[in-house]
C-alpha atoms as a PDB file:
ATOM      1  CA  UNK A   1      14.152   9.914 -22.603  1.00  0.00           C
ATOM      2  CA  UNK A   2      14.631  10.788 -18.611  1.00  0.00           C
ATOM      3  CA  UNK A   3      17.459  13.292 -17.472  1.00  0.00           C
ATOM      4  CA  UNK A   4      18.852  12.744 -13.731  1.00  0.00           C
ATOM      5  CA  UNK A   5      19.800  16.195 -12.394  1.00  0.00           C
ATOM      6  CA  UNK A   6      21.933  16.947 -10.144  1.00  0.00           C
ATOM      7  CA  UNK A   7      19.110  19.455  -7.405  1.00  0.00           C
ATOM      8  CA  UNK A   8      15.746  20.302  -7.889  1.00  0.00           C
ATOM      9  CA  UNK A   9      17.152  23.484  -9.222  1.00  0.00           C
ATOM     10  CA  UNK A  10      19.152  22.218 -12.126  1.00  0.00           C
ATOM     11  CA  UNK A  11      16.229  19.703 -13.090  1.00  0.00           C
ATOM     12  CA  UNK A  12      14.077  23.273 -13.425  1.00  0.00           C
ATOM     13  CA  UNK A  13      16.682  25.124 -15.227  1.00  0.00           C
ATOM     14  CA  UNK A  14      17.173  21.956 -17.734  1.00  0.00           C
ATOM     15  CA  UNK A  15      13.510  21.540 -18.505  1.00  0.00           C
ATOM     16  CA  UNK A  16      13.354  25.175 -19.043  1.00  0.00           C
ATOM     17  CA  UNK A  17      16.357  24.686 -21.875  1.00  0.00           C
ATOM     18  CA  UNK A  18      14.554  22.428 -23.292  1.00  0.00           C
ATOM     19  CA  UNK A  19      11.201  23.858 -23.970  1.00  0.00           C
ATOM     20  CA  UNK A  20       7.887  23.230 -23.564  1.00  0.00           C
ATOM     21  CA  UNK A  21       8.379  19.330 -24.602  1.00  0.00           C
ATOM     22  CA  UNK A  22      10.254  18.527 -21.307  1.00  0.00           C
ATOM     23  CA  UNK A  23       8.885  18.219 -17.842  1.00  0.00           C
ATOM     24  CA  UNK A  24      11.007  18.599 -15.062  1.00  0.00           C
ATOM     25  CA  UNK A  25       9.859  16.634 -12.019  1.00  0.00           C
ATOM     26  CA  UNK A  26      11.992  18.268  -9.294  1.00  0.00           C
ATOM     27  CA  UNK A  27      10.944  16.715  -6.170  1.00  0.00           C
ATOM     28  CA  UNK A  28      11.486  13.268  -7.593  1.00  0.00           C
ATOM     29  CA  UNK A  29      14.754  11.617  -5.531  1.00  0.00           C
ATOM     30  CA  UNK A  30      16.744  12.197  -7.865  1.00  0.00           C
ATOM     31  CA  UNK A  31      15.274  14.893  -9.807  1.00  0.00           C
ATOM     32  CA  UNK A  32      14.922  14.058 -13.391  1.00  0.00           C
ATOM     33  CA  UNK A  33      13.255  15.956 -16.300  1.00  0.00           C
ATOM     34  CA  UNK A  34      11.469  14.038 -19.300  1.00  0.00           C
ATOM     35  CA  UNK A  35      11.530  14.542 -22.786  1.00  0.00           C
ATOM     36  CA  UNK A  36      10.121  13.125 -25.454  1.00  0.00           C
ATOM     37  CA  UNK A  37      12.457  12.255 -28.111  1.00  0.00           C
ATOM     38  CA  UNK A  38      16.337  13.004 -28.758  1.00  0.00           C
ATOM     39  CA  UNK A  39      17.814  15.801 -27.284  1.00  0.00           C
ATOM     40  CA  UNK A  40      21.270  17.554 -28.549  1.00  0.00           C
ATOM     41  CA  UNK A  41      24.576  16.164 -27.307  1.00  0.00           C
ATOM     42  CA  UNK A  42      25.690  19.409 -25.739  1.00  0.00           C
ATOM     43  CA  UNK A  43      22.110  19.429 -23.434  1.00  0.00           C
ATOM     44  CA  UNK A  44      22.558  15.060 -22.500  1.00  0.00           C
ATOM     45  CA  UNK A  45      26.066  15.785 -21.795  1.00  0.00           C
ATOM     46  CA  UNK A  46      27.461  15.557 -18.356  1.00  0.00           C
ATOM     47  CA  UNK A  47      23.733  14.103 -17.220  1.00  0.00           C
ATOM     48  CA  UNK A  48      23.048  10.594 -16.746  1.00  0.00           C
ATOM     49  CA  UNK A  49      20.529   9.233 -19.136  1.00  0.00           C
ATOM     50  CA  UNK A  50      17.740   6.867 -19.239  1.00  0.00           C
ATOM     51  CA  UNK A  51      16.421   6.032 -22.427  1.00  0.00           C
ATOM     52  CA  UNK A  52      13.061   4.465 -22.499  1.00  0.00           C
ATOM     53  CA  UNK A  53      12.850   3.605 -18.990  1.00  0.00           C
ATOM     54  CA  UNK A  54       8.988   3.842 -17.736  1.00  0.00           C
ATOM     55  CA  UNK A  55       9.896   2.729 -14.278  1.00  0.00           C
ATOM     56  CA  UNK A  56      13.239   4.908 -12.412  1.00  0.00           C
ATOM     57  CA  UNK A  57      12.233   5.827  -9.181  1.00  0.00           C
ATOM     58  CA  UNK A  58      10.160   1.908  -8.081  1.00  0.00           C
ATOM     59  CA  UNK A  59      13.140  -0.221  -9.637  1.00  0.00           C
ATOM     60  CA  UNK A  60      16.936  -0.145  -9.029  1.00  0.00           C
ATOM     61  CA  UNK A  61      18.159   1.655 -11.620  1.00  0.00           C
ATOM     62  CA  UNK A  62      18.706   5.078  -9.886  1.00  0.00           C
ATOM     63  CA  UNK A  63      18.705   3.023  -6.116  1.00  0.00           C
ATOM     64  CA  UNK A  64      20.227   0.039  -5.173  1.00  0.00           C
ATOM     65  CA  UNK A  65      19.150  -0.224  -2.179  1.00  0.00           C
ATOM     66  CA  UNK A  66      15.360  -1.677  -1.237  1.00  0.00           C
ATOM     67  CA  UNK A  67      13.478   1.398   0.426  1.00  0.00           C
ATOM     68  CA  UNK A  68      11.626   0.891   3.448  1.00  0.00           C
ATOM     69  CA  UNK A  69       8.635   2.275   5.232  1.00  0.00           C
ATOM     70  CA  UNK A  70       7.918   3.483   8.866  1.00  0.00           C
ATOM     71  CA  UNK A  71       4.571   2.406  10.366  1.00  0.00           C
ATOM     72  CA  UNK A  72       4.456   2.827  13.874  1.00  0.00           C
ATOM     73  CA  UNK A  73       6.915   0.368  15.464  1.00  0.00           C
ATOM     74  CA  UNK A  74       7.585  -1.601  12.334  1.00  0.00           C
ATOM     75  CA  UNK A  75       9.967  -0.815   9.333  1.00  0.00           C
ATOM     76  CA  UNK A  76       7.992  -2.639   5.762  1.00  0.00           C
ATOM     77  CA  UNK A  77      10.590  -3.890   3.986  1.00  0.00           C
ATOM     78  CA  UNK A  78      12.886  -4.855   6.733  1.00  0.00           C
ATOM     79  CA  UNK A  79      10.368  -6.617   9.454  1.00  0.00           C
ATOM     80  CA  UNK A  80       7.402  -8.485   8.530  1.00  0.00           C
ATOM     81  CA  UNK A  81       4.181  -5.986   9.063  1.00  0.00           C
ATOM     82  CA  UNK A  82       0.648  -7.601  10.151  1.00  0.00           C
ATOM     83  CA  UNK A  83      -1.865  -5.439   9.671  1.00  0.00           C
ATOM     84  CA  UNK A  84      -5.656  -6.147  10.770  1.00  0.00           C
ATOM     85  CA  UNK A  85      -9.337  -4.880  10.932  1.00  0.00           C
ATOM     86  CA  UNK A  86     -12.641  -4.849   9.150  1.00  0.00           C
ATOM     87  CA  UNK A  87     -13.854  -3.876   5.875  1.00  0.00           C
ATOM     88  CA  UNK A  88     -15.594  -1.104   6.654  1.00  0.00           C
ATOM     89  CA  UNK A  89     -15.738   0.715  10.503  1.00  0.00           C
ATOM     90  CA  UNK A  90     -19.680   0.285  11.209  1.00  0.00           C
ATOM     91  CA  UNK A  91     -19.281   2.172  14.630  1.00  0.00           C
ATOM     92  CA  UNK A  92     -16.897   3.385  17.230  1.00  0.00           C
ATOM     93  CA  UNK A  93     -16.976   0.434  19.129  1.00  0.00           C
ATOM     94  CA  UNK A  94     -16.420  -2.131  16.749  1.00  0.00           C
ATOM     95  CA  UNK A  95     -13.447  -0.893  15.361  1.00  0.00           C
ATOM     96  CA  UNK A  96     -11.707  -0.366  18.624  1.00  0.00           C
ATOM     97  CA  UNK A  97     -12.587  -3.945  19.290  1.00  0.00           C
ATOM     98  CA  UNK A  98     -11.170  -4.912  16.153  1.00  0.00           C
ATOM     99  CA  UNK A  99      -8.371  -2.851  17.122  1.00  0.00           C
ATOM    100  CA  UNK A 100      -7.676  -4.321  20.691  1.00  0.00           C
ATOM    101  CA  UNK A 101      -8.007  -7.693  19.288  1.00  0.00           C
ATOM    102  CA  UNK A 102      -5.584  -8.041  16.551  1.00  0.00           C
ATOM    103  CA  UNK A 103      -2.979  -5.588  18.585  1.00  0.00           C
ATOM    104  CA  UNK A 104      -3.144  -8.499  21.301  1.00  0.00           C
ATOM    105  CA  UNK A 105      -2.498 -10.995  18.335  1.00  0.00           C
ATOM    106  CA  UNK A 106       0.443  -9.196  16.999  1.00  0.00           C
ATOM    107  CA  UNK A 107      -0.568  -6.918  14.701  1.00  0.00           C
ATOM    108  CA  UNK A 108       1.316  -3.371  13.845  1.00  0.00           C
ATOM    109  CA  UNK A 109      -1.504  -1.630  12.702  1.00  0.00           C
ATOM    110  CA  UNK A 110      -5.912  -1.380  12.379  1.00  0.00           C
ATOM    111  CA  UNK A 111      -7.242  -0.844   9.394  1.00  0.00           C
ATOM    112  CA  UNK A 112     -10.721  -0.012   8.436  1.00  0.00           C
ATOM    113  CA  UNK A 113     -12.886   1.881   5.528  1.00  0.00           C
ATOM    114  CA  UNK A 114     -14.189   4.967   6.025  1.00  0.00           C
ATOM    115  CA  UNK A 115     -15.466   5.464   2.288  1.00  0.00           C
ATOM    116  CA  UNK A 116     -16.406   2.330   0.640  1.00  0.00           C
ATOM    117  CA  UNK A 117     -16.073   2.254  -3.194  1.00  0.00           C
ATOM    118  CA  UNK A 118     -18.360  -0.900  -3.917  1.00  0.00           C
ATOM    119  CA  UNK A 119     -19.706  -2.580  -6.896  1.00  0.00           C
ATOM    120  CA  UNK A 120     -23.154  -1.634  -6.220  1.00  0.00           C
ATOM    121  CA  UNK A 121     -24.666   1.595  -5.268  1.00  0.00           C
ATOM    122  CA  UNK A 122     -27.268  -0.086  -2.528  1.00  0.00           C
ATOM    123  CA  UNK A 123     -24.460  -1.756  -0.908  1.00  0.00           C
ATOM    124  CA  UNK A 124     -23.051   0.364   2.412  1.00  0.00           C
ATOM    125  CA  UNK A 125     -20.873   2.789   1.648  1.00  0.00           C
ATOM    126  CA  UNK A 126     -18.817   3.683   4.892  1.00  0.00           C
ATOM    127  CA  UNK A 127     -19.789   6.414   7.264  1.00  0.00           C
ATOM    128  CA  UNK A 128     -17.123   8.788   5.780  1.00  0.00           C
ATOM    129  CA  UNK A 129     -15.861  11.831   8.256  1.00  0.00           C
ATOM    130  CA  UNK A 130     -17.094  10.314  11.207  1.00  0.00           C
ATOM    131  CA  UNK A 131     -16.169   7.086  10.685  1.00  0.00           C
ATOM    132  CA  UNK A 132     -12.453   8.481  10.534  1.00  0.00           C
ATOM    133  CA  UNK A 133     -12.681  10.033  13.642  1.00  0.00           C
ATOM    134  CA  UNK A 134     -13.480   6.848  14.871  1.00  0.00           C
ATOM    135  CA  UNK A 135     -10.156   5.402  13.539  1.00  0.00           C
ATOM    136  CA  UNK A 136      -8.691   8.686  15.607  1.00  0.00           C
ATOM    137  CA  UNK A 137      -9.919   8.220  18.815  1.00  0.00           C
ATOM    138  CA  UNK A 138      -8.934   3.973  17.769  1.00  0.00           C
ATOM    139  CA  UNK A 139      -5.272   5.477  17.718  1.00  0.00           C
ATOM    140  CA  UNK A 140      -5.291   7.309  20.722  1.00  0.00           C
ATOM    141  CA  UNK A 141      -6.557   4.124  22.963  1.00  0.00           C
ATOM    142  CA  UNK A 142      -4.281   1.850  21.374  1.00  0.00           C
ATOM    143  CA  UNK A 143      -1.004   3.548  19.819  1.00  0.00           C
ATOM    144  CA  UNK A 144      -2.050   1.082  16.898  1.00  0.00           C
ATOM    145  CA  UNK A 145      -1.169   2.889  13.212  1.00  0.00           C
ATOM    146  CA  UNK A 146      -4.423   3.840  10.971  1.00  0.00           C
ATOM    147  CA  UNK A 147      -4.846   2.397   7.411  1.00  0.00           C
ATOM    148  CA  UNK A 148      -7.591   3.703   5.360  1.00  0.00           C
ATOM    149  CA  UNK A 149      -8.909   4.153   1.685  1.00  0.00           C
ATOM    150  CA  UNK A 150      -8.992   7.345   0.146  1.00  0.00           C
ATOM    151  CA  UNK A 151     -11.028   7.746  -2.767  1.00  0.00           C
ATOM    152  CA  UNK A 152     -10.882  11.049  -4.957  1.00  0.00           C
ATOM    153  CA  UNK A 153      -7.909  13.776  -4.535  1.00  0.00           C
ATOM    154  CA  UNK A 154     -10.142  16.596  -2.877  1.00  0.00           C
ATOM    155  CA  UNK A 155     -10.032  13.908   0.249  1.00  0.00           C
ATOM    156  CA  UNK A 156      -6.350  13.380   0.432  1.00  0.00           C
ATOM    157  CA  UNK A 157      -5.774  16.060   3.175  1.00  0.00           C
ATOM    158  CA  UNK A 158      -8.629  15.147   5.352  1.00  0.00           C
ATOM    159  CA  UNK A 159      -7.620  11.518   5.204  1.00  0.00           C
ATOM    160  CA  UNK A 160      -4.637  12.162   5.889  1.00  0.00           C
ATOM    161  CA  UNK A 161      -5.065  13.960   9.164  1.00  0.00           C
ATOM    162  CA  UNK A 162      -6.622  11.173  10.572  1.00  0.00           C
ATOM    163  CA  UNK A 163      -5.085   8.053   8.506  1.00  0.00           C
ATOM    164  CA  UNK A 164      -0.810   6.824   9.336  1.00  0.00           C
ATOM    165  CA  UNK A 165      -1.120   5.261   5.921  1.00  0.00           C
ATOM    166  CA  UNK A 166      -3.274   5.765   2.732  1.00  0.00           C
ATOM    167  CA  UNK A 167      -4.503   2.935   0.589  1.00  0.00           C
ATOM    168  CA  UNK A 168      -5.416   3.390  -3.064  1.00  0.00           C
ATOM    169  CA  UNK A 169      -8.498   0.694  -4.029  1.00  0.00           C
ATOM    170  CA  UNK A 170      -7.618  -1.731  -6.708  1.00  0.00           C
ATOM    171  CA  UNK A 171     -10.297   0.556  -8.410  1.00  0.00           C
ATOM    172  CA  UNK A 172      -7.994   3.165  -8.507  1.00  0.00           C
ATOM    173  CA  UNK A 173      -4.852   2.545  -9.193  1.00  0.00           C
ATOM    174  CA  UNK A 174      -4.791   4.192 -11.871  1.00  0.00           C
ATOM    175  CA  UNK A 175      -6.721   7.147 -11.224  1.00  0.00           C
ATOM    176  CA  UNK A 176      -3.695   9.614 -12.002  1.00  0.00           C
ATOM    177  CA  UNK A 177      -5.264  12.436 -10.478  1.00  0.00           C
ATOM    178  CA  UNK A 178      -5.619  10.758  -6.974  1.00  0.00           C
ATOM    179  CA  UNK A 179      -1.977   9.458  -7.587  1.00  0.00           C
ATOM    180  CA  UNK A 180      -0.521  13.265  -8.175  1.00  0.00           C
ATOM    181  CA  UNK A 181      -2.307  14.457  -4.942  1.00  0.00           C
ATOM    182  CA  UNK A 182      -0.641  11.513  -3.322  1.00  0.00           C
ATOM    183  CA  UNK A 183       2.834  12.375  -4.416  1.00  0.00           C
ATOM    184  CA  UNK A 184       1.913  15.999  -2.547  1.00  0.00           C
ATOM    185  CA  UNK A 185       1.534  14.526   1.316  1.00  0.00           C
ATOM    186  CA  UNK A 186       3.913  12.946   3.263  1.00  0.00           C
ATOM    187  CA  UNK A 187       1.875  10.169   4.628  1.00  0.00           C
ATOM    188  CA  UNK A 188       3.146   6.593   3.263  1.00  0.00           C
ATOM    189  CA  UNK A 189       0.536   5.049   0.590  1.00  0.00           C
ATOM    190  CA  UNK A 190      -0.394   1.367   0.445  1.00  0.00           C
ATOM    191  CA  UNK A 191      -0.859   0.947  -3.649  1.00  0.00           C
ATOM    192  CA  UNK A 192      -3.320  -1.988  -4.388  1.00  0.00           C
ATOM    193  CA  UNK A 193      -2.988  -3.850  -7.935  1.00  0.00           C
ATOM    194  CA  UNK A 194      -5.766  -3.213  -9.861  1.00  0.00           C
ATOM    195  CA  UNK A 195      -7.241  -6.226 -10.354  1.00  0.00           C
ATOM    196  CA  UNK A 196      -7.196  -6.505 -14.296  1.00  0.00           C
ATOM    197  CA  UNK A 197      -3.850  -5.193 -14.754  1.00  0.00           C
ATOM    198  CA  UNK A 198      -0.109  -6.009 -15.019  1.00  0.00           C
ATOM    199  CA  UNK A 199       2.102  -6.016 -12.259  1.00  0.00           C
ATOM    200  CA  UNK A 200       4.253  -3.290 -14.912  1.00  0.00           C
ATOM    201  CA  UNK A 201       1.036  -1.118 -14.403  1.00  0.00           C
ATOM    202  CA  UNK A 202       1.371  -1.282 -10.771  1.00  0.00           C
ATOM    203  CA  UNK A 203       5.168   0.401 -10.918  1.00  0.00           C
ATOM    204  CA  UNK A 204       3.809   2.755 -13.061  1.00  0.00           C
ATOM    205  CA  UNK A 205       1.152   3.818 -10.987  1.00  0.00           C
ATOM    206  CA  UNK A 206       3.990   3.835  -8.227  1.00  0.00           C
ATOM    207  CA  UNK A 207       5.741   6.674 -10.551  1.00  0.00           C
ATOM    208  CA  UNK A 208       3.278   8.725 -10.001  1.00  0.00           C
ATOM    209  CA  UNK A 209       3.410   9.145  -6.424  1.00  0.00           C
ATOM    210  CA  UNK A 210       7.028   8.533  -6.366  1.00  0.00           C
ATOM    211  CA  UNK A 211       7.678  11.429  -9.248  1.00  0.00           C
ATOM    212  CA  UNK A 212       5.707  13.898  -6.934  1.00  0.00           C
ATOM    213  CA  UNK A 213       8.327  13.618  -3.784  1.00  0.00           C
ATOM    214  CA  UNK A 214       6.280  11.099  -1.900  1.00  0.00           C
ATOM    215  CA  UNK A 215       8.804   8.055  -1.431  1.00  0.00           C
ATOM    216  CA  UNK A 216       6.795   6.235   0.706  1.00  0.00           C
ATOM    217  CA  UNK A 217       4.700   3.765  -1.115  1.00  0.00           C
ATOM    218  CA  UNK A 218       4.104   0.144  -0.713  1.00  0.00           C
ATOM    219  CA  UNK A 219       2.803  -2.114  -3.309  1.00  0.00           C
ATOM    220  CA  UNK A 220      -0.322  -4.267  -2.495  1.00  0.00           C
ATOM    221  CA  UNK A 221      -0.812  -7.581  -4.503  1.00  0.00           C
ATOM    222  CA  UNK A 222      -4.658  -8.832  -3.729  1.00  0.00           C
ATOM    223  CA  UNK A 223      -5.411 -11.044  -6.393  1.00  0.00           C
ATOM    224  CA  UNK A 224      -6.625 -10.277 -10.590  1.00  0.00           C
ATOM    225  CA  UNK A 225      -9.313 -11.528 -12.249  1.00  0.00           C
ATOM    226  CA  UNK A 226      -8.625 -14.689 -14.098  1.00  0.00           C
ATOM    227  CA  UNK A 227     -10.843 -17.523 -16.277  1.00  0.00           C
ATOM    228  CA  UNK A 228     -10.367 -19.537 -12.549  1.00  0.00           C
ATOM    229  CA  UNK A 229     -13.606 -19.259 -10.823  1.00  0.00           C
ATOM    230  CA  UNK A 230     -13.451 -21.141  -7.412  1.00  0.00           C
ATOM    231  CA  UNK A 231     -12.305 -17.745  -5.563  1.00  0.00           C
ATOM    232  CA  UNK A 232     -13.212 -14.320  -5.641  1.00  0.00           C
ATOM    233  CA  UNK A 233      -9.897 -13.458  -7.163  1.00  0.00           C
ATOM    234  CA  UNK A 234      -6.552 -15.188  -8.272  1.00  0.00           C
ATOM    235  CA  UNK A 235      -3.850 -14.051  -5.862  1.00  0.00           C
ATOM    236  CA  UNK A 236      -0.746 -14.150  -8.506  1.00  0.00           C
ATOM    237  CA  UNK A 237       1.927 -15.468  -5.855  1.00  0.00           C
ATOM    238  CA  UNK A 238       4.303 -14.911  -8.857  1.00  0.00           C
ATOM    239  CA  UNK A 239       3.753 -11.260  -9.124  1.00  0.00           C
ATOM    240  CA  UNK A 240       5.067 -10.930  -5.093  1.00  0.00           C
ATOM    241  CA  UNK A 241       8.328 -12.794  -6.377  1.00  0.00           C
ATOM    242  CA  UNK A 242       8.835 -11.162  -9.281  1.00  0.00           C
ATOM    243  CA  UNK A 243       8.355  -7.331  -7.216  1.00  0.00           C
ATOM    244  CA  UNK A 244      10.661  -8.428  -5.083  1.00  0.00           C
ATOM    245  CA  UNK A 245      13.022  -8.946  -7.326  1.00  0.00           C
ATOM    246  CA  UNK A 246      12.556  -6.001 -10.358  1.00  0.00           C
ATOM    247  CA  UNK A 247      11.034  -3.473  -7.296  1.00  0.00           C
ATOM    248  CA  UNK A 248      12.581  -1.494  -4.374  1.00  0.00           C
ATOM    249  CA  UNK A 249       9.480  -0.959  -3.123  1.00  0.00           C
ATOM    250  CA  UNK A 250       7.704  -3.323  -0.277  1.00  0.00           C
ATOM    251  CA  UNK A 251       4.982  -5.472  -0.711  1.00  0.00           C
ATOM    252  CA  UNK A 252       2.251  -6.258   1.099  1.00  0.00           C
ATOM    253  CA  UNK A 253      -0.339  -8.927   0.377  1.00  0.00           C
ATOM    254  CA  UNK A 254      -4.106  -8.974   1.139  1.00  0.00           C
ATOM    255  CA  UNK A 255      -5.540 -12.861   1.004  1.00  0.00           C
ATOM    256  CA  UNK A 256      -8.557 -11.551   1.935  1.00  0.00           C
ATOM    257  CA  UNK A 257      -9.687  -9.923  -1.172  1.00  0.00           C
ATOM    258  CA  UNK A 258      -8.181 -12.983  -3.429  1.00  0.00           C
ATOM    259  CA  UNK A 259      -9.567 -15.362  -1.352  1.00  0.00           C
ATOM    260  CA  UNK A 260     -13.145 -14.080  -0.787  1.00  0.00           C
ATOM    261  CA  UNK A 261     -14.074 -16.643   1.781  1.00  0.00           C
ATOM    262  CA  UNK A 262     -12.108 -16.918   5.192  1.00  0.00           C
ATOM    263  CA  UNK A 263     -11.380 -20.521   5.074  1.00  0.00           C
ATOM    264  CA  UNK A 264      -8.902 -19.939   2.169  1.00  0.00           C
ATOM    265  CA  UNK A 265      -7.454 -16.836   4.148  1.00  0.00           C
ATOM    266  CA  UNK A 266      -4.644 -18.432   6.329  1.00  0.00           C
ATOM    267  CA  UNK A 267      -3.396 -20.983   3.309  1.00  0.00           C
ATOM    268  CA  UNK A 268      -2.941 -17.987   1.010  1.00  0.00           C
ATOM    269  CA  UNK A 269      -1.700 -16.081   3.613  1.00  0.00           C
ATOM    270  CA  UNK A 270       1.120 -18.285   4.182  1.00  0.00           C
ATOM    271  CA  UNK A 271       1.928 -18.781   0.679  1.00  0.00           C
ATOM    272  CA  UNK A 272       2.370 -15.003   0.037  1.00  0.00           C
ATOM    273  CA  UNK A 273       4.766 -15.250   3.560  1.00  0.00           C
ATOM    274  CA  UNK A 274       6.702 -17.736   1.587  1.00  0.00           C
ATOM    275  CA  UNK A 275       7.090 -16.060  -1.661  1.00  0.00           C
ATOM    276  CA  UNK A 276       8.644 -12.826  -0.053  1.00  0.00           C
ATOM    277  CA  UNK A 277       6.268 -10.321   0.967  1.00  0.00           C
ATOM    278  CA  UNK A 278       6.816  -8.228   3.397  1.00  0.00           C
ATOM    279  CA  UNK A 279       3.378  -8.004   5.040  1.00  0.00           C
ATOM    280  CA  UNK A 280      -0.480  -8.937   5.058  1.00  0.00           C
ATOM    281  CA  UNK A 281      -3.701  -6.940   5.166  1.00  0.00           C
ATOM    282  CA  UNK A 282      -6.098  -9.276   6.673  1.00  0.00           C
ATOM    283  CA  UNK A 283      -9.744  -8.067   7.341  1.00  0.00           C
ATOM    284  CA  UNK A 284     -10.265  -9.325  10.759  1.00  0.00           C
ATOM    285  CA  UNK A 285     -14.208  -8.234  12.342  1.00  0.00           C
ATOM    286  CA  UNK A 286     -15.246  -9.205  16.259  1.00  0.00           C
ATOM    287  CA  UNK A 287     -18.106 -10.625  14.627  1.00  0.00           C
ATOM    288  CA  UNK A 288     -17.737 -11.884  11.045  1.00  0.00           C
ATOM    289  CA  UNK A 289     -20.896 -13.457  10.145  1.00  0.00           C
ATOM    290  CA  UNK A 290     -22.451  -9.706  11.048  1.00  0.00           C
ATOM    291  CA  UNK A 291     -20.013  -7.621   9.017  1.00  0.00           C
ATOM    292  CA  UNK A 292     -22.040  -5.361   7.183  1.00  0.00           C
ATOM    293  CA  UNK A 293     -19.464  -5.140   4.080  1.00  0.00           C
ATOM    294  CA  UNK A 294     -17.210  -8.626   2.593  1.00  0.00           C
ATOM    295  CA  UNK A 295     -18.637 -11.322   5.609  1.00  0.00           C
ATOM    296  CA  UNK A 296     -17.348 -13.855   3.370  1.00  0.00           C
ATOM    297  CA  UNK A 297     -13.931 -13.115   3.601  1.00  0.00           C
ATOM    298  CA  UNK A 298     -13.653 -11.896   7.161  1.00  0.00           C
ATOM    299  CA  UNK A 299     -11.912 -14.014   9.826  1.00  0.00           C
ATOM    300  CA  UNK A 300     -12.770 -13.695  13.587  1.00  0.00           C
ATOM    301  CA  UNK A 301     -10.438 -12.032  15.963  1.00  0.00           C
ATOM    302  CA  UNK A 302      -9.113 -15.650  17.031  1.00  0.00           C
ATOM    303  CA  UNK A 303      -8.577 -17.306  13.619  1.00  0.00           C
ATOM    304  CA  UNK A 304      -6.209 -14.018  13.044  1.00  0.00           C
ATOM    305  CA  UNK A 305      -4.478 -14.917  16.046  1.00  0.00           C
ATOM    306  CA  UNK A 306      -3.400 -18.229  14.773  1.00  0.00           C
ATOM    307  CA  UNK A 307      -2.237 -16.939  11.581  1.00  0.00           C
ATOM    308  CA  UNK A 308      -0.123 -14.739  12.916  1.00  0.00           C
ATOM    309  CA  UNK A 309       1.319 -16.789  14.775  1.00  0.00           C
ATOM    310  CA  UNK A 310       1.710 -19.990  11.597  1.00  0.00           C
ATOM    311  CA  UNK A 311       3.045 -16.549   9.510  1.00  0.00           C
ATOM    312  CA  UNK A 312       5.837 -16.350  12.180  1.00  0.00           C
ATOM    313  CA  UNK A 313       6.370 -19.868  12.293  1.00  0.00           C
ATOM    314  CA  UNK A 314       7.284 -19.939   8.394  1.00  0.00           C
ATOM    315  CA  UNK A 315       8.958 -16.392   9.097  1.00  0.00           C
ATOM    316  CA  UNK A 316      11.476 -18.206  11.337  1.00  0.00           C
ATOM    317  CA  UNK A 317      12.009 -21.430   8.832  1.00  0.00           C
ATOM    318  CA  UNK A 318      13.113 -18.961   5.847  1.00  0.00           C
ATOM    319  CA  UNK A 319      15.165 -16.930   8.426  1.00  0.00           C
ATOM    320  CA  UNK A 320      13.457 -13.440   7.987  1.00  0.00           C
ATOM    321  CA  UNK A 321      12.709 -11.089  10.837  1.00  0.00           C
ATOM    322  CA  UNK A 322       9.021 -11.027  11.436  1.00  0.00           C
ATOM    323  CA  UNK A 323       8.777  -7.908  13.420  1.00  0.00           C
ATOM    324  CA  UNK A 324       8.176  -6.855  16.632  1.00  0.00           C
ATOM    325  CA  UNK A 325       6.052  -9.245  18.556  1.00  0.00           C
ATOM    326  CA  UNK A 326       3.332  -6.883  19.908  1.00  0.00           C
ATOM    327  CA  UNK A 327       2.708  -2.841  18.842  1.00  0.00           C
ATOM    328  CA  UNK A 328       3.014  -0.693  21.635  1.00  0.00           C
ATOM    329  CA  UNK A 329      -0.201   0.000  23.550  1.00  0.00           C
ATOM    330  CA  UNK A 330      -1.848   3.626  23.735  1.00  0.00           C
ATOM    331  CA  UNK A 331      -3.268   5.466  26.063  1.00  0.00           C
ATOM    332  CA  UNK A 332      -5.885   3.813  28.213  1.00  0.00           C
ATOM    333  CA  UNK A 333      -9.650   4.449  27.825  1.00  0.00           C
END
């Protein structure tokens, strides 16, 4: 059972009154008290009670309006956001060239991995902290916000010093310690769906972040594992449509990981836009065949520009806002 409290102080007082079985989420909006089982009628009196509601903060149960998240020049959830960049940050020159290329094509943010969770231990794992420095330099030169993945709770504060939005990868969606740490910061979080998880479990993961006071969660569909083996994963377009109806949070789509091959990225991206996605996360590399990770699914800068143009035409046909044409530039280098 969840009880909605009128203030953080009231949530803490109510939890103390209910005893050790109660948990106060005093930084949530609105503050909540979670109690297993029933409570006395006199205690619940005067409060809104949600019986067995697993997703009060990520759905419309307590907030009637969709949530939007500001990321640089774009408001995700209101405007359509294009985020492009390489899977891995390989060098300072590579990430800067990628950022300038996607920015010229209309991207609103640059993505790039400093810490890389890989299936096998011998694959490139990322440059770590030095790559974060390169990402910060790229922001200074271009003005583009930076999106990068964080793997552990211990790294959250470090990554937040360099990133404008922190990404939770598919393998980390149910890392509850990481989700709680992300709830304690004030940076947008892009939360990817686990490739073996239901959409309801994605919302449960979002609740961990929201319940600790960070309201700026962006969901991301990136494909799930099915019996269909022609692509790396199966892009769940129905999940995008479902989330746009059931959840108040913005929804991005990563067609690159779903496709696993660059010639399928564009059609999946267009399908995502038509299904109601609020933006795209596209792996883009100046020289895809030379990429150190996920080369097969990376597109080049010209292909990214064509994808942006075609997506804008789909959005125009649907009467949807496609966001600023170009992100603001930064300091010239």
